[in-house]
Amino acid sequence: MIERYLKGAKAQDLGAPGETLTARERQVLKLIAEGCKSRGIAAVLCISEDMVAKHRAHIMGKLDFHSASALAAYALKKGLIRE
């Protein structure tokens, strides 16, 4: 069971070492990259705006980015969104 869990975690990796985002973080990243504001993301995902802010902070920390435009560029590069 542990081996399957570890393999699943590796499959969710978006690229570079240590850049493992959860499924929810990937959803939030995609919506940020598409230009959605926190209120809109919260409504789509049925979570609070505070939770969106926490996910955004975790994503930025894990990927070492400091702006929404950097997140959008990353999401585009990884194929999470289209031009």
PDB file of N, CA and C in Angstrom:
ATOM      1  N   MET A   1       0.822  -1.177   0.000  1.00  0.00           N
ATOM      2  CA  MET A   1       0.000   0.000   0.000  1.00  0.00           C
ATOM      3  C   MET A   1       0.877   1.255   0.000  1.00  0.00           C
ATOM      4  N   ILE A   2       1.916   1.284   0.796  1.00  0.00           N
ATOM      5  CA  ILE A   2       2.807   2.444   0.853  1.00  0.00           C
ATOM      6  C   ILE A   2       3.485   2.656  -0.494  1.00  0.00           C
ATOM      7  N   GLU A   3       3.892   1.579  -1.124  1.00  0.00           N
ATOM      8  CA  GLU A   3       4.543   1.675  -2.432  1.00  0.00           C
ATOM      9  C   GLU A   3       3.597   2.294  -3.459  1.00  0.00           C
ATOM     10  N   ARG A   4       2.328   1.890  -3.455  1.00  0.00           N
ATOM     11  CA  ARG A   4       1.353   2.474  -4.390  1.00  0.00           C
ATOM     12  C   ARG A   4       1.168   3.948  -4.096  1.00  0.00           C
ATOM     13  N   TYR A   5       1.111   4.334  -2.827  1.00  0.00           N
ATOM     14  CA  TYR A   5       0.966   5.735  -2.463  1.00  0.00           C
ATOM     15  C   TYR A   5       2.150   6.557  -2.977  1.00  0.00           C
ATOM     16  N   LEU A   6       3.359   6.049  -2.782  1.00  0.00           N
ATOM     17  CA  LEU A   6       4.550   6.762  -3.233  1.00  0.00           C
ATOM     18  C   LEU A   6       4.591   6.876  -4.744  1.00  0.00           C
ATOM     19  N   LYS A   7       4.184   5.831  -5.444  1.00  0.00           N
ATOM     20  CA  LYS A   7       4.134   5.899  -6.912  1.00  0.00           C
ATOM     21  C   LYS A   7       3.106   6.921  -7.354  1.00  0.00           C
ATOM     22  N   GLY A   8       1.981   7.001  -6.673  1.00  0.00           N
ATOM     23  CA  GLY A   8       0.945   7.986  -6.994  1.00  0.00           C
ATOM     24  C   GLY A   8       1.441   9.397  -6.787  1.00  0.00           C
ATOM     25  N   ALA A   9       2.192   9.630  -5.721  1.00  0.00           N
ATOM     26  CA  ALA A   9       2.743  10.954  -5.451  1.00  0.00           C
ATOM     27  C   ALA A   9       3.712  11.348  -6.553  1.00  0.00           C
ATOM     28  N   LYS A  10       4.514  10.397  -7.034  1.00  0.00           N
ATOM     29  CA  LYS A  10       5.449  10.700  -8.109  1.00  0.00           C
ATOM     30  C   LYS A  10       4.705  11.008  -9.403  1.00  0.00           C
ATOM     31  N   ALA A  11       3.604  10.356  -9.645  1.00  0.00           N
ATOM     32  CA  ALA A  11       2.833  10.592 -10.865  1.00  0.00           C
ATOM     33  C   ALA A  11       2.225  11.986 -10.868  1.00  0.00           C
ATOM     34  N   GLN A  12       1.993  12.561  -9.678  1.00  0.00           N
ATOM     35  CA  GLN A  12       1.396  13.889  -9.603  1.00  0.00           C
ATOM     36  C   GLN A  12       2.433  14.993  -9.740  1.00  0.00           C
ATOM     37  N   ASP A  13       3.684  14.660  -9.751  1.00  0.00           N
ATOM     38  CA  ASP A  13       4.761  15.638  -9.855  1.00  0.00           C
ATOM     39  C   ASP A  13       4.621  16.399 -11.166  1.00  0.00           C
ATOM     40  N   LEU A  14       4.711  17.716 -11.111  1.00  0.00           N
ATOM     41  CA  LEU A  14       4.548  18.535 -12.312  1.00  0.00           C
ATOM     42  C   LEU A  14       5.856  18.808 -13.026  1.00  0.00           C
ATOM     43  N   GLY A  15       6.951  18.270 -12.609  1.00  0.00           N
ATOM     44  CA  GLY A  15       8.175  18.523 -13.344  1.00  0.00           C
ATOM     45  C   GLY A  15       9.433  18.422 -12.521  1.00  0.00           C
ATOM     46  N   ALA A  16       9.956  19.550 -12.094  1.00  0.00           N
ATOM     47  CA  ALA A  16      11.238  19.595 -11.411  1.00  0.00           C
ATOM     48  C   ALA A  16      11.161  18.921 -10.041  1.00  0.00           C
ATOM     49  N   PRO A  17      12.299  18.463  -9.536  1.00  0.00           N
ATOM     50  CA  PRO A  17      12.325  17.807  -8.231  1.00  0.00           C
ATOM     51  C   PRO A  17      11.723  18.672  -7.128  1.00  0.00           C
ATOM     52  N   GLY A  18      10.924  18.061  -6.301  1.00  0.00           N
ATOM     53  CA  GLY A  18      10.342  18.775  -5.174  1.00  0.00           C
ATOM     54  C   GLY A  18       9.124  19.605  -5.503  1.00  0.00           C
ATOM     55  N   GLU A  19       8.679  19.596  -6.744  1.00  0.00           N
ATOM     56  CA  GLU A  19       7.538  20.415  -7.136  1.00  0.00           C
ATOM     57  C   GLU A  19       6.245  19.592  -7.138  1.00  0.00           C
ATOM     58  N   THR A  20       5.962  18.964  -6.070  1.00  0.00           N
ATOM     59  CA  THR A  20       4.767  18.138  -6.003  1.00  0.00           C
ATOM     60  C   THR A  20       3.598  18.977  -5.520  1.00  0.00           C
ATOM     61  N   LEU A  21       2.630  19.135  -6.375  1.00  0.00           N
ATOM     62  CA  LEU A  21       1.425  19.861  -6.016  1.00  0.00           C
ATOM     63  C   LEU A  21       0.293  18.867  -5.806  1.00  0.00           C
ATOM     64  N   THR A  22      -0.565  19.173  -4.849  1.00  0.00           N
ATOM     65  CA  THR A  22      -1.739  18.332  -4.639  1.00  0.00           C
ATOM     66  C   THR A  22      -2.719  18.563  -5.787  1.00  0.00           C
ATOM     67  N   ALA A  23      -3.701  17.698  -5.883  1.00  0.00           N
ATOM     68  CA  ALA A  23      -4.725  17.851  -6.923  1.00  0.00           C
ATOM     69  C   ALA A  23      -5.431  19.194  -6.766  1.00  0.00           C
ATOM     70  N   ARG A  24      -5.746  19.582  -5.544  1.00  0.00           N
ATOM     71  CA  ARG A  24      -6.429  20.859  -5.302  1.00  0.00           C
ATOM     72  C   ARG A  24      -5.526  22.029  -5.672  1.00  0.00           C
ATOM     73  N   GLU A  25      -4.233  21.931  -5.351  1.00  0.00           N
ATOM     74  CA  GLU A  25      -3.307  23.002  -5.721  1.00  0.00           C
ATOM     75  C   GLU A  25      -3.212  23.137  -7.233  1.00  0.00           C
ATOM     76  N   ARG A  26      -3.251  22.005  -7.947  1.00  0.00           N
ATOM     77  CA  ARG A  26      -3.234  22.077  -9.407  1.00  0.00           C
ATOM     78  C   ARG A  26      -4.501  22.742  -9.934  1.00  0.00           C
ATOM     79  N   GLN A  27      -5.645  22.476  -9.304  1.00  0.00           N
ATOM     80  CA  GLN A  27      -6.892  23.121  -9.708  1.00  0.00           C
ATOM     81  C   GLN A  27      -6.797  24.632  -9.501  1.00  0.00           C
ATOM     82  N   VAL A  28      -6.309  25.024  -8.335  1.00  0.00           N
ATOM     83  CA  VAL A  28      -6.174  26.452  -8.027  1.00  0.00           C
ATOM     84  C   VAL A  28      -5.180  27.098  -8.984  1.00  0.00           C
ATOM     85  N   LEU A  29      -4.055  26.441  -9.236  1.00  0.00           N
ATOM     86  CA  LEU A  29      -3.055  26.965 -10.164  1.00  0.00           C
ATOM     87  C   LEU A  29      -3.661  27.191 -11.541  1.00  0.00           C
ATOM     88  N   LYS A  30      -4.416  26.231 -12.025  1.00  0.00           N
ATOM     89  CA  LYS A  30      -5.048  26.347 -13.340  1.00  0.00           C
ATOM     90  C   LYS A  30      -5.988  27.554 -13.391  1.00  0.00           C
ATOM     91  N   LEU A  31      -6.797  27.728 -12.368  1.00  0.00           N
ATOM     92  CA  LEU A  31      -7.739  28.841 -12.331  1.00  0.00           C
ATOM     93  C   LEU A  31      -7.025  30.186 -12.201  1.00  0.00           C
ATOM     94  N   ILE A  32      -5.965  30.231 -11.414  1.00  0.00           N
ATOM     95  CA  ILE A  32      -5.164  31.465 -11.316  1.00  0.00           C
ATOM     96  C   ILE A  32      -4.594  31.806 -12.686  1.00  0.00           C
ATOM     97  N   ALA A  33      -4.042  30.799 -13.350  1.00  0.00           N
ATOM     98  CA  ALA A  33      -3.422  31.008 -14.650  1.00  0.00           C
ATOM     99  C   ALA A  33      -4.439  31.452 -15.699  1.00  0.00           C
ATOM    100  N   GLU A  34      -5.676  31.037 -15.534  1.00  0.00           N
ATOM    101  CA  GLU A  34      -6.737  31.440 -16.459  1.00  0.00           C
ATOM    102  C   GLU A  34      -7.256  32.840 -16.151  1.00  0.00           C
ATOM    103  N   GLY A  35      -6.723  33.465 -15.089  1.00  0.00           N
ATOM    104  CA  GLY A  35      -7.079  34.840 -14.769  1.00  0.00           C
ATOM    105  C   GLY A  35      -8.181  34.996 -13.743  1.00  0.00           C
ATOM    106  N   CYS A  36      -8.590  33.918 -13.107  1.00  0.00           N
ATOM    107  CA  CYS A  36      -9.649  33.991 -12.096  1.00  0.00           C
ATOM    108  C   CYS A  36      -9.129  34.665 -10.830  1.00  0.00           C
ATOM    109  N   LYS A  37      -9.981  35.437 -10.224  1.00  0.00           N
ATOM    110  CA  LYS A  37      -9.666  36.061  -8.932  1.00  0.00           C
ATOM    111  C   LYS A  37     -10.027  35.097  -7.813  1.00  0.00           C
ATOM    112  N   SER A  38      -9.571  35.392  -6.616  1.00  0.00           N
ATOM    113  CA  SER A  38      -9.798  34.511  -5.468  1.00  0.00           C
ATOM    114  C   SER A  38     -11.279  34.227  -5.244  1.00  0.00           C
ATOM    115  N   ARG A  39     -12.112  35.241  -5.376  1.00  0.00           N
ATOM    116  CA  ARG A  39     -13.555  35.060  -5.156  1.00  0.00           C
ATOM    117  C   ARG A  39     -14.120  34.060  -6.164  1.00  0.00           C
ATOM    118  N   GLY A  40     -13.719  34.184  -7.413  1.00  0.00           N
ATOM    119  CA  GLY A  40     -14.191  33.274  -8.448  1.00  0.00           C
ATOM    120  C   GLY A  40     -13.687  31.854  -8.242  1.00  0.00           C
ATOM    121  N   ILE A  41     -12.425  31.725  -7.851  1.00  0.00           N
ATOM    122  CA  ILE A  41     -11.848  30.401  -7.578  1.00  0.00           C
ATOM    123  C   ILE A  41     -12.595  29.752  -6.422  1.00  0.00           C
ATOM    124  N   ALA A  42     -12.860  30.530  -5.381  1.00  0.00           N
ATOM    125  CA  ALA A  42     -13.577  30.016  -4.216  1.00  0.00           C
ATOM    126  C   ALA A  42     -14.964  29.518  -4.618  1.00  0.00           C
ATOM    127  N   ALA A  43     -15.641  30.268  -5.469  1.00  0.00           N
ATOM    128  CA  ALA A  43     -16.987  29.881  -5.901  1.00  0.00           C
ATOM    129  C   ALA A  43     -16.957  28.602  -6.734  1.00  0.00           C
ATOM    130  N   VAL A  44     -16.007  28.516  -7.649  1.00  0.00           N
ATOM    131  CA  VAL A  44     -15.906  27.340  -8.523  1.00  0.00           C
ATOM    132  C   VAL A  44     -15.582  26.087  -7.723  1.00  0.00           C
ATOM    133  N   LEU A  45     -14.672  26.199  -6.765  1.00  0.00           N
ATOM    134  CA  LEU A  45     -14.216  25.038  -6.006  1.00  0.00           C
ATOM    135  C   LEU A  45     -14.981  24.814  -4.696  1.00  0.00           C
ATOM    136  N   CYS A  46     -15.942  25.697  -4.409  1.00  0.00           N
ATOM    137  CA  CYS A  46     -16.757  25.599  -3.190  1.00  0.00           C
ATOM    138  C   CYS A  46     -15.884  25.581  -1.932  1.00  0.00           C
ATOM    139  N   ILE A  47     -14.935  26.530  -1.887  1.00  0.00           N
ATOM    140  CA  ILE A  47     -14.084  26.710  -0.719  1.00  0.00           C
ATOM    141  C   ILE A  47     -14.072  28.196  -0.376  1.00  0.00           C
ATOM    142  N   SER A  48     -13.525  28.553   0.768  1.00  0.00           N
ATOM    143  CA  SER A  48     -13.477  29.963   1.166  1.00  0.00           C
ATOM    144  C   SER A  48     -12.344  30.686   0.443  1.00  0.00           C
ATOM    145  N   GLU A  49     -12.463  32.005   0.405  1.00  0.00           N
ATOM    146  CA  GLU A  49     -11.391  32.808  -0.175  1.00  0.00           C
ATOM    147  C   GLU A  49     -10.105  32.670   0.636  1.00  0.00           C
ATOM    148  N   ASP A  50     -10.232  32.488   1.941  1.00  0.00           N
ATOM    149  CA  ASP A  50      -9.053  32.270   2.788  1.00  0.00           C
ATOM    150  C   ASP A  50      -8.339  30.988   2.394  1.00  0.00           C
ATOM    151  N   MET A  51      -9.097  29.937   2.073  1.00  0.00           N
ATOM    152  CA  MET A  51      -8.491  28.670   1.651  1.00  0.00           C
ATOM    153  C   MET A  51      -7.802  28.842   0.299  1.00  0.00           C
ATOM    154  N   VAL A  52      -8.393  29.633  -0.586  1.00  0.00           N
ATOM    155  CA  VAL A  52      -7.750  29.914  -1.876  1.00  0.00           C
ATOM    156  C   VAL A  52      -6.407  30.595  -1.625  1.00  0.00           C
ATOM    157  N   ALA A  53      -6.399  31.559  -0.715  1.00  0.00           N
ATOM    158  CA  ALA A  53      -5.156  32.271  -0.390  1.00  0.00           C
ATOM    159  C   ALA A  53      -4.100  31.311   0.165  1.00  0.00           C
ATOM    160  N   LYS A  54      -4.526  30.352   0.995  1.00  0.00           N
ATOM    161  CA  LYS A  54      -3.584  29.370   1.540  1.00  0.00           C
ATOM    162  C   LYS A  54      -3.024  28.480   0.439  1.00  0.00           C
ATOM    163  N   HIS A  55      -3.907  28.030  -0.458  1.00  0.00           N
ATOM    164  CA  HIS A  55      -3.434  27.205  -1.576  1.00  0.00           C
ATOM    165  C   HIS A  55      -2.455  27.998  -2.446  1.00  0.00           C
ATOM    166  N   ARG A  56      -2.795  29.254  -2.733  1.00  0.00           N
ATOM    167  CA  ARG A  56      -1.921  30.104  -3.551  1.00  0.00           C
ATOM    168  C   ARG A  56      -0.546  30.237  -2.887  1.00  0.00           C
ATOM    169  N   ALA A  57      -0.532  30.456  -1.578  1.00  0.00           N
ATOM    170  CA  ALA A  57       0.729  30.596  -0.850  1.00  0.00           C
ATOM    171  C   ALA A  57       1.538  29.300  -0.904  1.00  0.00           C
ATOM    172  N   HIS A  58       0.867  28.166  -0.751  1.00  0.00           N
ATOM    173  CA  HIS A  58       1.571  26.876  -0.820  1.00  0.00           C
ATOM    174  C   HIS A  58       2.151  26.650  -2.217  1.00  0.00           C
ATOM    175  N   ILE A  59       1.363  26.968  -3.241  1.00  0.00           N
ATOM    176  CA  ILE A  59       1.825  26.796  -4.623  1.00  0.00           C
ATOM    177  C   ILE A  59       3.052  27.664  -4.871  1.00  0.00           C
ATOM    178  N   MET A  60       2.954  28.931  -4.502  1.00  0.00           N
ATOM    179  CA  MET A  60       4.068  29.857  -4.726  1.00  0.00           C
ATOM    180  C   MET A  60       5.307  29.410  -3.950  1.00  0.00           C
ATOM    181  N   GLY A  61       5.108  28.900  -2.747  1.00  0.00           N
ATOM    182  CA  GLY A  61       6.237  28.418  -1.960  1.00  0.00           C
ATOM    183  C   GLY A  61       6.889  27.198  -2.585  1.00  0.00           C
ATOM    184  N   LYS A  62       6.067  26.251  -3.012  1.00  0.00           N
ATOM    185  CA  LYS A  62       6.598  25.028  -3.604  1.00  0.00           C
ATOM    186  C   LYS A  62       7.318  25.296  -4.919  1.00  0.00           C
ATOM    187  N   LEU A  63       6.784  26.233  -5.708  1.00  0.00           N
ATOM    188  CA  LEU A  63       7.366  26.506  -7.019  1.00  0.00           C
ATOM    189  C   LEU A  63       8.358  27.662  -6.994  1.00  0.00           C
ATOM    190  N   ASP A  64       8.458  28.340  -5.859  1.00  0.00           N
ATOM    191  CA  ASP A  64       9.346  29.490  -5.682  1.00  0.00           C
ATOM    192  C   ASP A  64       9.045  30.596  -6.688  1.00  0.00           C
ATOM    193  N   PHE A  65       7.744  30.916  -6.828  1.00  0.00           N
ATOM    194  CA  PHE A  65       7.311  32.035  -7.662  1.00  0.00           C
ATOM    195  C   PHE A  65       6.719  33.101  -6.759  1.00  0.00           C
ATOM    196  N   HIS A  66       6.710  34.344  -7.273  1.00  0.00           N
ATOM    197  CA  HIS A  66       6.252  35.449  -6.441  1.00  0.00           C
ATOM    198  C   HIS A  66       5.183  36.300  -7.094  1.00  0.00           C
ATOM    199  N   SER A  67       4.622  35.827  -8.211  1.00  0.00           N
ATOM    200  CA  SER A  67       3.560  36.583  -8.873  1.00  0.00           C
ATOM    201  C   SER A  67       2.625  35.646  -9.623  1.00  0.00           C
ATOM    202  N   ALA A  68       1.417  36.145  -9.854  1.00  0.00           N
ATOM    203  CA  ALA A  68       0.432  35.363 -10.602  1.00  0.00           C
ATOM    204  C   ALA A  68       0.880  35.171 -12.046  1.00  0.00           C
ATOM    205  N   SER A  69       1.580  36.146 -12.598  1.00  0.00           N
ATOM    206  CA  SER A  69       2.044  36.002 -13.984  1.00  0.00           C
ATOM    207  C   SER A  69       3.089  34.890 -14.103  1.00  0.00           C
ATOM    208  N   ALA A  70       3.932  34.740 -13.093  1.00  0.00           N
ATOM    209  CA  ALA A  70       4.905  33.649 -13.094  1.00  0.00           C
ATOM    210  C   ALA A  70       4.185  32.307 -12.998  1.00  0.00           C
ATOM    211  N   LEU A  71       3.129  32.248 -12.186  1.00  0.00           N
ATOM    212  CA  LEU A  71       2.337  31.023 -12.094  1.00  0.00           C
ATOM    213  C   LEU A  71       1.669  30.708 -13.425  1.00  0.00           C
ATOM    214  N   ALA A  72       1.144  31.727 -14.083  1.00  0.00           N
ATOM    215  CA  ALA A  72       0.491  31.527 -15.382  1.00  0.00           C
ATOM    216  C   ALA A  72       1.483  31.007 -16.417  1.00  0.00           C
ATOM    217  N   ALA A  73       2.670  31.582 -16.438  1.00  0.00           N
ATOM    218  CA  ALA A  73       3.699  31.133 -17.381  1.00  0.00           C
ATOM    219  C   ALA A  73       4.072  29.680 -17.110  1.00  0.00           C
ATOM    220  N   TYR A  74       4.174  29.310 -15.852  1.00  0.00           N
ATOM    221  CA  TYR A  74       4.496  27.941 -15.475  1.00  0.00           C
ATOM    222  C   TYR A  74       3.381  26.993 -15.910  1.00  0.00           C
ATOM    223  N   ALA A  75       2.136  27.374 -15.649  1.00  0.00           N
ATOM    224  CA  ALA A  75       0.993  26.540 -16.014  1.00  0.00           C
ATOM    225  C   ALA A  75       0.927  26.347 -17.528  1.00  0.00           C
ATOM    226  N   LEU A  76       1.226  27.390 -18.277  1.00  0.00           N
ATOM    227  CA  LEU A  76       1.251  27.304 -19.737  1.00  0.00           C
ATOM    228  C   LEU A  76       2.341  26.343 -20.190  1.00  0.00           C
ATOM    229  N   LYS A  77       3.520  26.478 -19.609  1.00  0.00           N
ATOM    230  CA  LYS A  77       4.653  25.616 -19.956  1.00  0.00           C
ATOM    231  C   LYS A  77       4.354  24.145 -19.657  1.00  0.00           C
ATOM    232  N   LYS A  78       3.646  23.897 -18.560  1.00  0.00           N
ATOM    233  CA  LYS A  78       3.337  22.524 -18.154  1.00  0.00           C
ATOM    234  C   LYS A  78       2.077  21.981 -18.813  1.00  0.00           C
ATOM    235  N   GLY A  79       1.422  22.794 -19.653  1.00  0.00           N
ATOM    236  CA  GLY A  79       0.252  22.315 -20.374  1.00  0.00           C
ATOM    237  C   GLY A  79      -1.037  22.308 -19.572  1.00  0.00           C
ATOM    238  N   LEU A  80      -1.061  23.028 -18.455  1.00  0.00           N
ATOM    239  CA  LEU A  80      -2.284  23.090 -17.668  1.00  0.00           C
ATOM    240  C   LEU A  80      -3.325  24.016 -18.295  1.00  0.00           C
ATOM    241  N   ILE A  81      -2.833  24.978 -19.078  1.00  0.00           N
ATOM    242  CA  ILE A  81      -3.717  25.890 -19.812  1.00  0.00           C
ATOM    243  C   ILE A  81      -3.188  26.020 -21.232  1.00  0.00           C
ATOM    244  N   ARG A  82      -4.035  26.556 -22.106  1.00  0.00           N
ATOM    245  CA  ARG A  82      -3.631  26.788 -23.492  1.00  0.00           C
ATOM    246  C   ARG A  82      -3.515  28.261 -23.771  1.00  0.00           C
ATOM    247  N   GLU A  83      -2.721  28.588 -24.772  1.00  0.00           N
ATOM    248  CA  GLU A  83      -2.557  30.005 -25.142  1.00  0.00           C
ATOM    249  C   GLU A  83      -3.821  30.559 -25.711  1.00  0.00           C
TER     250      GLU A  83
END
